[in-house]
Amino acid sequence: SPGHYQNLVRPSFTRLGVGYNAATNSWVQIFAGY
């Protein structure tokens, strides 16, 4: 997905947090750039 891909490779992002909920197979990536 172009929008998601841009977040994955965005040069200004430097840190990542990942969350997974097994009950609903839900996923979250939170990016931050410093």
Full PDB file with SEQRES, HELIX, SHEET, SSBOND, CRYST1, ORIGX, SCALE, CONECT and MASTER records, all heavy atoms in Angstrom:
SEQRES   1 A   34  SER PRO GLY HIS TYR GLN ASN LEU VAL ARG PRO SER PHE          
SEQRES   2 A   34  THR ARG LEU GLY VAL GLY TYR ASN ALA ALA THR ASN SER          
SEQRES   3 A   34  TRP VAL GLN ILE PHE ALA GLY TYR                              
HELIX    1 AA1 PRO A    2  VAL A    9  1                                   8    
SHEET    1 AA1 2 ARG A  15  ASN A  21  0                                        
SHEET    2 AA1 2 SER A  26  ALA A  32 -1                                        
CRYST1    1.000    1.000    1.000  90.00  90.00  90.00 P 1           1          
ORIGX1      1.000000  0.000000  0.000000        0.00000                         
ORIGX2      0.000000  1.000000  0.000000        0.00000                         
ORIGX3      0.000000  0.000000  1.000000        0.00000                         
SCALE1      1.000000  0.000000  0.000000        0.00000                         
SCALE2      0.000000  1.000000  0.000000        0.00000                         
SCALE3      0.000000  0.000000  1.000000        0.00000                         
ATOM      1  N   SER A   1       0.854  -1.187   0.000  1.00  0.00           N  
ATOM      2  CA  SER A   1       0.000   0.000   0.000  1.00  0.00           C  
ATOM      3  C   SER A   1       0.891   1.239   0.000  1.00  0.00           C  
ATOM      4  O   SER A   1       1.725   1.405   0.895  1.00  0.00           O  
ATOM      5  CB  SER A   1      -0.887   0.004   1.244  1.00  0.00           C  
ATOM      6  OG  SER A   1      -1.503   1.270   1.405  1.00  0.00           O  
ATOM      7  N   PRO A   2       0.775   2.112  -0.999  1.00  0.00           N  
ATOM      8  CA  PRO A   2       1.692   3.255  -1.099  1.00  0.00           C  
ATOM      9  C   PRO A   2       1.775   4.103   0.166  1.00  0.00           C  
ATOM     10  O   PRO A   2       2.866   4.503   0.577  1.00  0.00           O  
ATOM     11  CB  PRO A   2       1.129   4.060  -2.274  1.00  0.00           C  
ATOM     12  CG  PRO A   2       0.441   3.045  -3.118  1.00  0.00           C  
ATOM     13  CD  PRO A   2      -0.154   2.064  -2.138  1.00  0.00           C  
ATOM     14  N   GLY A   3       0.627   4.369   0.801  1.00  0.00           N  
ATOM     15  CA  GLY A   3       0.648   5.207   1.992  1.00  0.00           C  
ATOM     16  C   GLY A   3       1.382   4.558   3.146  1.00  0.00           C  
ATOM     17  O   GLY A   3       2.199   5.203   3.825  1.00  0.00           O  
ATOM     18  N   HIS A   4       1.113   3.286   3.356  1.00  0.00           N  
ATOM     19  CA  HIS A   4       1.792   2.577   4.435  1.00  0.00           C  
ATOM     20  C   HIS A   4       3.292   2.446   4.147  1.00  0.00           C  
ATOM     21  O   HIS A   4       4.129   2.583   5.029  1.00  0.00           O  
ATOM     22  CB  HIS A   4       1.193   1.180   4.612  1.00  0.00           C  
ATOM     23  CG  HIS A   4      -0.246   1.203   5.002  1.00  0.00           C  
ATOM     24  ND1 HIS A   4      -1.258   1.335   4.085  1.00  0.00           N  
ATOM     25  CD2 HIS A   4      -0.842   1.112   6.218  1.00  0.00           C  
ATOM     26  CE1 HIS A   4      -2.431   1.311   4.710  1.00  0.00           C  
ATOM     27  NE2 HIS A   4      -2.212   1.194   6.010  1.00  0.00           N  
ATOM     28  N   TYR A   5       3.591   2.151   2.896  1.00  0.00           N  
ATOM     29  CA  TYR A   5       4.987   1.987   2.500  1.00  0.00           C  
ATOM     30  C   TYR A   5       5.782   3.270   2.761  1.00  0.00           C  
ATOM     31  O   TYR A   5       6.929   3.223   3.222  1.00  0.00           O  
ATOM     32  CB  TYR A   5       5.061   1.619   1.015  1.00  0.00           C  
ATOM     33  CG  TYR A   5       6.461   1.431   0.496  1.00  0.00           C  
ATOM     34  CD1 TYR A   5       7.120   0.220   0.656  1.00  0.00           C  
ATOM     35  CD2 TYR A   5       7.133   2.461  -0.160  1.00  0.00           C  
ATOM     36  CE1 TYR A   5       8.408   0.041   0.191  1.00  0.00           C  
ATOM     37  CE2 TYR A   5       8.421   2.300  -0.638  1.00  0.00           C  
ATOM     38  CZ  TYR A   5       9.057   1.074  -0.457  1.00  0.00           C  
ATOM     39  OH  TYR A   5      10.332   0.901  -0.923  1.00  0.00           O  
ATOM     40  N   GLN A   6       5.165   4.417   2.481  1.00  0.00           N  
ATOM     41  CA  GLN A   6       5.859   5.682   2.732  1.00  0.00           C  
ATOM     42  C   GLN A   6       6.236   5.823   4.197  1.00  0.00           C  
ATOM     43  O   GLN A   6       7.322   6.312   4.531  1.00  0.00           O  
ATOM     44  CB  GLN A   6       4.981   6.861   2.293  1.00  0.00           C  
ATOM     45  CG  GLN A   6       4.819   6.987   0.786  1.00  0.00           C  
ATOM     46  CD  GLN A   6       3.814   8.057   0.395  1.00  0.00           C  
ATOM     47  OE1 GLN A   6       3.376   8.841   1.245  1.00  0.00           O  
ATOM     48  NE2 GLN A   6       3.446   8.094  -0.874  1.00  0.00           N  
ATOM     49  N   ASN A   7       5.342   5.424   5.099  1.00  0.00           N  
ATOM     50  CA  ASN A   7       5.672   5.476   6.519  1.00  0.00           C  
ATOM     51  C   ASN A   7       6.820   4.525   6.861  1.00  0.00           C  
ATOM     52  O   ASN A   7       7.710   4.848   7.647  1.00  0.00           O  
ATOM     53  CB  ASN A   7       4.450   5.115   7.367  1.00  0.00           C  
ATOM     54  CG  ASN A   7       3.542   6.312   7.631  1.00  0.00           C  
ATOM     55  OD1 ASN A   7       3.890   7.448   7.322  1.00  0.00           O  
ATOM     56  ND2 ASN A   7       2.384   6.049   8.191  1.00  0.00           N  
ATOM     57  N   LEU A   8       6.803   3.333   6.269  1.00  0.00           N  
ATOM     58  CA  LEU A   8       7.822   2.328   6.582  1.00  0.00           C  
ATOM     59  C   LEU A   8       9.230   2.793   6.214  1.00  0.00           C  
ATOM     60  O   LEU A   8      10.197   2.465   6.899  1.00  0.00           O  
ATOM     61  CB  LEU A   8       7.504   1.017   5.856  1.00  0.00           C  
ATOM     62  CG  LEU A   8       6.267   0.251   6.339  1.00  0.00           C  
ATOM     63  CD1 LEU A   8       5.913  -0.859   5.361  1.00  0.00           C  
ATOM     64  CD2 LEU A   8       6.489  -0.326   7.732  1.00  0.00           C  
ATOM     65  N   VAL A   9       9.345   3.555   5.130  1.00  0.00           N  
ATOM     66  CA  VAL A   9      10.684   3.937   4.642  1.00  0.00           C  
ATOM     67  C   VAL A   9      10.952   5.427   4.786  1.00  0.00           C  
ATOM     68  O   VAL A   9      11.975   5.915   4.288  1.00  0.00           O  
ATOM     69  CB  VAL A   9      10.872   3.508   3.166  1.00  0.00           C  
ATOM     70  CG1 VAL A   9      10.714   2.004   3.027  1.00  0.00           C  
ATOM     71  CG2 VAL A   9       9.890   4.242   2.235  1.00  0.00           C  
ATOM     72  N   ARG A  10      10.087   6.152   5.461  1.00  0.00           N  
ATOM     73  CA  ARG A  10      10.242   7.603   5.550  1.00  0.00           C  
ATOM     74  C   ARG A  10      11.577   7.956   6.210  1.00  0.00           C  
ATOM     75  O   ARG A  10      11.863   7.516   7.333  1.00  0.00           O  
ATOM     76  CB  ARG A  10       9.093   8.209   6.345  1.00  0.00           C  
ATOM     77  CG  ARG A  10       8.971   9.729   6.224  1.00  0.00           C  
ATOM     78  CD  ARG A  10       7.792  10.235   7.030  1.00  0.00           C  
ATOM     79  NE  ARG A  10       6.530   9.679   6.551  1.00  0.00           N  
ATOM     80  CZ  ARG A  10       5.829  10.177   5.546  1.00  0.00           C  
ATOM     81  NH1 ARG A  10       6.273  11.252   4.904  1.00  0.00           N  
ATOM     82  NH2 ARG A  10       4.688   9.624   5.175  1.00  0.00           N  
ATOM     83  N   PRO A  11      12.433   8.756   5.572  1.00  0.00           N  
ATOM     84  CA  PRO A  11      13.752   9.063   6.132  1.00  0.00           C  
ATOM     85  C   PRO A  11      13.698   9.807   7.459  1.00  0.00           C  
ATOM     86  O   PRO A  11      14.603   9.650   8.286  1.00  0.00           O  
ATOM     87  CB  PRO A  11      14.399   9.941   5.043  1.00  0.00           C  
ATOM     88  CG  PRO A  11      13.666   9.606   3.785  1.00  0.00           C  
ATOM     89  CD  PRO A  11      12.269   9.307   4.206  1.00  0.00           C  
ATOM     90  N   SER A  12      12.658  10.615   7.680  1.00  0.00           N  
ATOM     91  CA  SER A  12      12.611  11.428   8.890  1.00  0.00           C  
ATOM     92  C   SER A  12      12.214  10.637  10.130  1.00  0.00           C  
ATOM     93  O   SER A  12      12.365  11.127  11.247  1.00  0.00           O  
ATOM     94  CB  SER A  12      11.641  12.606   8.709  1.00  0.00           C  
ATOM     95  OG  SER A  12      10.337  12.136   8.398  1.00  0.00           O  
ATOM     96  N   PHE A  13      11.701   9.429   9.954  1.00  0.00           N  
ATOM     97  CA  PHE A  13      11.389   8.597  11.114  1.00  0.00           C  
ATOM     98  C   PHE A  13      12.654   7.924  11.624  1.00  0.00           C  
ATOM     99  O   PHE A  13      13.451   7.398  10.849  1.00  0.00           O  
ATOM    100  CB  PHE A  13      10.346   7.536  10.760  1.00  0.00           C  
ATOM    101  CG  PHE A  13       8.953   8.053  10.551  1.00  0.00           C  
ATOM    102  CD1 PHE A  13       8.045   7.351   9.775  1.00  0.00           C  
ATOM    103  CD2 PHE A  13       8.544   9.248  11.130  1.00  0.00           C  
ATOM    104  CE1 PHE A  13       6.754   7.822   9.582  1.00  0.00           C  
ATOM    105  CE2 PHE A  13       7.261   9.726  10.946  1.00  0.00           C  
ATOM    106  CZ  PHE A  13       6.360   9.018  10.162  1.00  0.00           C  
ATOM    107  N   THR A  14      12.812   7.914  12.946  1.00  0.00           N  
ATOM    108  CA  THR A  14      14.014   7.327  13.542  1.00  0.00           C  
ATOM    109  C   THR A  14      13.705   6.275  14.600  1.00  0.00           C  
ATOM    110  O   THR A  14      14.568   5.475  14.945  1.00  0.00           O  
ATOM    111  CB  THR A  14      14.891   8.412  14.180  1.00  0.00           C  
ATOM    112  OG1 THR A  14      14.127   9.116  15.177  1.00  0.00           O  
ATOM    113  CG2 THR A  14      15.399   9.397  13.132  1.00  0.00           C  
ATOM    114  N   ARG A  15      12.480   6.272  15.152  1.00  0.00           N  
ATOM    115  CA  ARG A  15      12.123   5.326  16.210  1.00  0.00           C  
ATOM    116  C   ARG A  15      10.788   4.669  15.877  1.00  0.00           C  
ATOM    117  O   ARG A  15       9.958   5.239  15.170  1.00  0.00           O  
ATOM    118  CB  ARG A  15      12.037   6.020  17.570  1.00  0.00           C  
ATOM    119  CG  ARG A  15      13.270   6.818  17.938  1.00  0.00           C  
ATOM    120  CD  ARG A  15      13.162   7.397  19.340  1.00  0.00           C  
ATOM    121  NE  ARG A  15      14.155   8.439  19.572  1.00  0.00           N  
ATOM    122  CZ  ARG A  15      14.307   9.105  20.705  1.00  0.00           C  
ATOM    123  NH1 ARG A  15      13.517   8.836  21.741  1.00  0.00           N  
ATOM    124  NH2 ARG A  15      15.229  10.043  20.823  1.00  0.00           N  
ATOM    125  N   LEU A  16      10.598   3.473  16.443  1.00  0.00           N  
ATOM    126  CA  LEU A  16       9.389   2.721  16.146  1.00  0.00           C  
ATOM    127  C   LEU A  16       8.893   1.991  17.386  1.00  0.00           C  
ATOM    128  O   LEU A  16       9.688   1.434  18.158  1.00  0.00           O  
ATOM    129  CB  LEU A  16       9.656   1.696  15.034  1.00  0.00           C  
ATOM    130  CG  LEU A  16       8.501   0.743  14.675  1.00  0.00           C  
ATOM    131  CD1 LEU A  16       7.327   1.523  14.089  1.00  0.00           C  
ATOM    132  CD2 LEU A  16       8.972  -0.327  13.702  1.00  0.00           C  
ATOM    133  N   GLY A  17       7.576   1.999  17.560  1.00  0.00           N  
ATOM    134  CA  GLY A  17       6.921   1.151  18.546  1.00  0.00           C  
ATOM    135  C   GLY A  17       5.923   0.255  17.837  1.00  0.00           C  
ATOM    136  O   GLY A  17       5.256   0.677  16.886  1.00  0.00           O  
ATOM    137  N   VAL A  18       5.830  -0.991  18.269  1.00  0.00           N  
ATOM    138  CA  VAL A  18       4.940  -1.958  17.628  1.00  0.00           C  
ATOM    139  C   VAL A  18       4.041  -2.577  18.687  1.00  0.00           C  
ATOM    140  O   VAL A  18       4.516  -2.993  19.755  1.00  0.00           O  
ATOM    141  CB  VAL A  18       5.727  -3.067  16.907  1.00  0.00           C  
ATOM    142  CG1 VAL A  18       4.763  -4.053  16.241  1.00  0.00           C  
ATOM    143  CG2 VAL A  18       6.669  -2.478  15.872  1.00  0.00           C  
ATOM    144  N   GLY A  19       2.751  -2.648  18.394  1.00  0.00           N  
ATOM    145  CA  GLY A  19       1.808  -3.304  19.277  1.00  0.00           C  
ATOM    146  C   GLY A  19       1.040  -4.382  18.536  1.00  0.00           C  
ATOM    147  O   GLY A  19       0.696  -4.217  17.358  1.00  0.00           O  
ATOM    148  N   TYR A  20       0.781  -5.507  19.217  1.00  0.00           N  
ATOM    149  CA  TYR A  20       0.007  -6.598  18.625  1.00  0.00           C  
ATOM    150  C   TYR A  20      -0.977  -7.121  19.658  1.00  0.00           C  
ATOM    151  O   TYR A  20      -0.606  -7.365  20.813  1.00  0.00           O  
ATOM    152  CB  TYR A  20       0.932  -7.725  18.160  1.00  0.00           C  
ATOM    153  CG  TYR A  20       0.190  -8.974  17.732  1.00  0.00           C  
ATOM    154  CD1 TYR A  20      -0.580  -8.975  16.575  1.00  0.00           C  
ATOM    155  CD2 TYR A  20       0.236 -10.128  18.503  1.00  0.00           C  
ATOM    156  CE1 TYR A  20      -1.275 -10.105  16.182  1.00  0.00           C  
ATOM    157  CE2 TYR A  20      -0.458 -11.268  18.122  1.00  0.00           C  
ATOM    158  CZ  TYR A  20      -1.214 -11.257  16.954  1.00  0.00           C  
ATOM    159  OH  TYR A  20      -1.903 -12.383  16.563  1.00  0.00           O  
ATOM    160  N   ASN A  21      -2.241  -7.277  19.258  1.00  0.00           N  
ATOM    161  CA  ASN A  21      -3.273  -7.837  20.122  1.00  0.00           C  
ATOM    162  C   ASN A  21      -3.708  -9.170  19.522  1.00  0.00           C  
ATOM    163  O   ASN A  21      -4.377  -9.219  18.475  1.00  0.00           O  
ATOM    164  CB  ASN A  21      -4.461  -6.876  20.224  1.00  0.00           C  
ATOM    165  CG  ASN A  21      -5.562  -7.422  21.114  1.00  0.00           C  
ATOM    166  OD1 ASN A  21      -5.347  -8.363  21.872  1.00  0.00           O  
ATOM    167  ND2 ASN A  21      -6.751  -6.832  21.016  1.00  0.00           N  
ATOM    168  N   ALA A  22      -3.343 -10.267  20.168  1.00  0.00           N  
ATOM    169  CA  ALA A  22      -3.623 -11.597  19.634  1.00  0.00           C  
ATOM    170  C   ALA A  22      -5.112 -11.908  19.603  1.00  0.00           C  
ATOM    171  O   ALA A  22      -5.571 -12.703  18.774  1.00  0.00           O  
ATOM    172  CB  ALA A  22      -2.877 -12.648  20.462  1.00  0.00           C  
ATOM    173  N   ALA A  23      -5.894 -11.291  20.480  1.00  0.00           N  
ATOM    174  CA  ALA A  23      -7.330 -11.590  20.542  1.00  0.00           C  
ATOM    175  C   ALA A  23      -8.044 -11.191  19.257  1.00  0.00           C  
ATOM    176  O   ALA A  23      -8.996 -11.863  18.825  1.00  0.00           O  
ATOM    177  CB  ALA A  23      -7.960 -10.887  21.740  1.00  0.00           C  
ATOM    178  N   THR A  24      -7.597 -10.098  18.631  1.00  0.00           N  
ATOM    179  CA  THR A  24      -8.234  -9.608  17.409  1.00  0.00           C  
ATOM    180  C   THR A  24      -7.269  -9.578  16.226  1.00  0.00           C  
ATOM    181  O   THR A  24      -7.634  -9.114  15.149  1.00  0.00           O  
ATOM    182  CB  THR A  24      -8.789  -8.193  17.625  1.00  0.00           C  
ATOM    183  OG1 THR A  24      -7.709  -7.332  18.061  1.00  0.00           O  
ATOM    184  CG2 THR A  24      -9.883  -8.183  18.680  1.00  0.00           C  
ATOM    185  N   ASN A  25      -6.047 -10.092  16.430  1.00  0.00           N  
ATOM    186  CA  ASN A  25      -5.011 -10.004  15.391  1.00  0.00           C  
ATOM    187  C   ASN A  25      -4.896  -8.568  14.864  1.00  0.00           C  
ATOM    188  O   ASN A  25      -4.886  -8.320  13.658  1.00  0.00           O  
ATOM    189  CB  ASN A  25      -5.287 -10.979  14.247  1.00  0.00           C  
ATOM    190  CG  ASN A  25      -4.958 -12.410  14.637  1.00  0.00           C  
ATOM    191  OD1 ASN A  25      -3.955 -12.653  15.314  1.00  0.00           O  
ATOM    192  ND2 ASN A  25      -5.796 -13.351  14.226  1.00  0.00           N  
ATOM    193  N   SER A  26      -4.812  -7.636  15.808  1.00  0.00           N  
ATOM    194  CA  SER A  26      -4.688  -6.211  15.463  1.00  0.00           C  
ATOM    195  C   SER A  26      -3.246  -5.761  15.646  1.00  0.00           C  
ATOM    196  O   SER A  26      -2.557  -6.187  16.581  1.00  0.00           O  
ATOM    197  CB  SER A  26      -5.611  -5.375  16.356  1.00  0.00           C  
ATOM    198  OG  SER A  26      -6.955  -5.749  16.163  1.00  0.00           O  
ATOM    199  N   TRP A  27      -2.813  -4.882  14.756  1.00  0.00           N  
ATOM    200  CA  TRP A  27      -1.417  -4.446  14.722  1.00  0.00           C  
ATOM    201  C   TRP A  27      -1.361  -2.921  14.678  1.00  0.00           C  
ATOM    202  O   TRP A  27      -2.165  -2.271  14.004  1.00  0.00           O  
ATOM    203  CB  TRP A  27      -0.717  -4.989  13.484  1.00  0.00           C  
ATOM    204  CG  TRP A  27      -0.773  -6.477  13.341  1.00  0.00           C  
ATOM    205  CD1 TRP A  27      -1.833  -7.211  12.876  1.00  0.00           C  
ATOM    206  CD2 TRP A  27       0.257  -7.407  13.657  1.00  0.00           C  
ATOM    207  NE1 TRP A  27      -1.519  -8.547  12.886  1.00  0.00           N  
ATOM    208  CE2 TRP A  27      -0.241  -8.700  13.353  1.00  0.00           C  
ATOM    209  CE3 TRP A  27       1.558  -7.282  14.154  1.00  0.00           C  
ATOM    210  CZ2 TRP A  27       0.516  -9.858  13.538  1.00  0.00           C  
ATOM    211  CZ3 TRP A  27       2.317  -8.427  14.332  1.00  0.00           C  
ATOM    212  CH2 TRP A  27       1.800  -9.699  14.032  1.00  0.00           C  
ATOM    213  N   VAL A  28      -0.371  -2.364  15.361  1.00  0.00           N  
ATOM    214  CA  VAL A  28      -0.151  -0.914  15.341  1.00  0.00           C  
ATOM    215  C   VAL A  28       1.351  -0.647  15.249  1.00  0.00           C  
ATOM    216  O   VAL A  28       2.150  -1.255  15.970  1.00  0.00           O  
ATOM    217  CB  VAL A  28      -0.722  -0.231  16.602  1.00  0.00           C  
ATOM    218  CG1 VAL A  28      -0.365   1.254  16.610  1.00  0.00           C  
ATOM    219  CG2 VAL A  28      -2.234  -0.400  16.666  1.00  0.00           C  
ATOM    220  N   GLN A  29       1.724   0.241  14.350  1.00  0.00           N  
ATOM    221  CA  GLN A  29       3.074   0.809  14.322  1.00  0.00           C  
ATOM    222  C   GLN A  29       2.959   2.294  14.642  1.00  0.00           C  
ATOM    223  O   GLN A  29       2.181   3.005  13.989  1.00  0.00           O  
ATOM    224  CB  GLN A  29       3.727   0.662  12.949  1.00  0.00           C  
ATOM    225  CG  GLN A  29       4.234  -0.719  12.600  1.00  0.00           C  
ATOM    226  CD  GLN A  29       4.905  -0.706  11.234  1.00  0.00           C  
ATOM    227  OE1 GLN A  29       4.344  -0.213  10.252  1.00  0.00           O  
ATOM    228  NE2 GLN A  29       6.108  -1.235  11.167  1.00  0.00           N  
ATOM    229  N   ILE A  30       3.703   2.771  15.615  1.00  0.00           N  
ATOM    230  CA  ILE A  30       3.788   4.202  15.895  1.00  0.00           C  
ATOM    231  C   ILE A  30       5.230   4.639  15.630  1.00  0.00           C  
ATOM    232  O   ILE A  30       6.173   4.118  16.237  1.00  0.00           O  
ATOM    233  CB  ILE A  30       3.366   4.529  17.336  1.00  0.00           C  
ATOM    234  CG1 ILE A  30       1.867   4.216  17.523  1.00  0.00           C  
ATOM    235  CG2 ILE A  30       3.644   5.999  17.661  1.00  0.00           C  
ATOM    236  CD1 ILE A  30       1.342   4.540  18.904  1.00  0.00           C  
ATOM    237  N   PHE A  31       5.370   5.557  14.702  1.00  0.00           N  
ATOM    238  CA  PHE A  31       6.677   6.069  14.298  1.00  0.00           C  
ATOM    239  C   PHE A  31       6.913   7.435  14.934  1.00  0.00           C  
ATOM    240  O   PHE A  31       5.970   8.200  15.155  1.00  0.00           O  
ATOM    241  CB  PHE A  31       6.748   6.247  12.779  1.00  0.00           C  
ATOM    242  CG  PHE A  31       6.432   5.023  11.972  1.00  0.00           C  
ATOM    243  CD1 PHE A  31       5.116   4.716  11.630  1.00  0.00           C  
ATOM    244  CD2 PHE A  31       7.450   4.188  11.535  1.00  0.00           C  
ATOM    245  CE1 PHE A  31       4.816   3.595  10.868  1.00  0.00           C  
ATOM    246  CE2 PHE A  31       7.165   3.063  10.761  1.00  0.00           C  
ATOM    247  CZ  PHE A  31       5.844   2.765  10.433  1.00  0.00           C  
ATOM    248  N   ALA A  32       8.164   7.764  15.166  1.00  0.00           N  
ATOM    249  CA  ALA A  32       8.527   9.115  15.602  1.00  0.00           C  
ATOM    250  C   ALA A  32       9.882   9.463  15.021  1.00  0.00           C  
ATOM    251  O   ALA A  32      10.749   8.587  14.848  1.00  0.00           O  
ATOM    252  CB  ALA A  32       8.557   9.219  17.130  1.00  0.00           C  
ATOM    253  N   GLY A  33      10.044  10.731  14.707  1.00  0.00           N  
ATOM    254  CA  GLY A  33      11.309  11.213  14.172  1.00  0.00           C  
ATOM    255  C   GLY A  33      11.910  12.258  15.086  1.00  0.00           C  
ATOM    256  O   GLY A  33      11.212  13.160  15.557  1.00  0.00           O  
ATOM    257  N   TYR A  34      13.199  12.115  15.351  1.00  0.00           N  
ATOM    258  CA  TYR A  34      13.942  13.045  16.203  1.00  0.00           C  
ATOM    259  C   TYR A  34      15.175  13.493  15.432  1.00  0.00           C  
ATOM    260  O   TYR A  34      15.978  12.670  15.000  1.00  0.00           O  
ATOM    261  CB  TYR A  34      14.369  12.368  17.513  1.00  0.00           C  
ATOM    262  CG  TYR A  34      13.225  11.996  18.418  1.00  0.00           C  
ATOM    263  CD1 TYR A  34      12.428  10.887  18.145  1.00  0.00           C  
ATOM    264  CD2 TYR A  34      12.930  12.757  19.539  1.00  0.00           C  
ATOM    265  CE1 TYR A  34      11.363  10.550  18.972  1.00  0.00           C  
ATOM    266  CE2 TYR A  34      11.872  12.428  20.377  1.00  0.00           C  
ATOM    267  CZ  TYR A  34      11.097  11.321  20.077  1.00  0.00           C  
ATOM    268  OH  TYR A  34      10.061  10.991  20.891  1.00  0.00           O  
TER     269      TYR A  34                                                      
MASTER        0    0    0    1    2    0    0    6  268    1    0    3          
END                                                                             
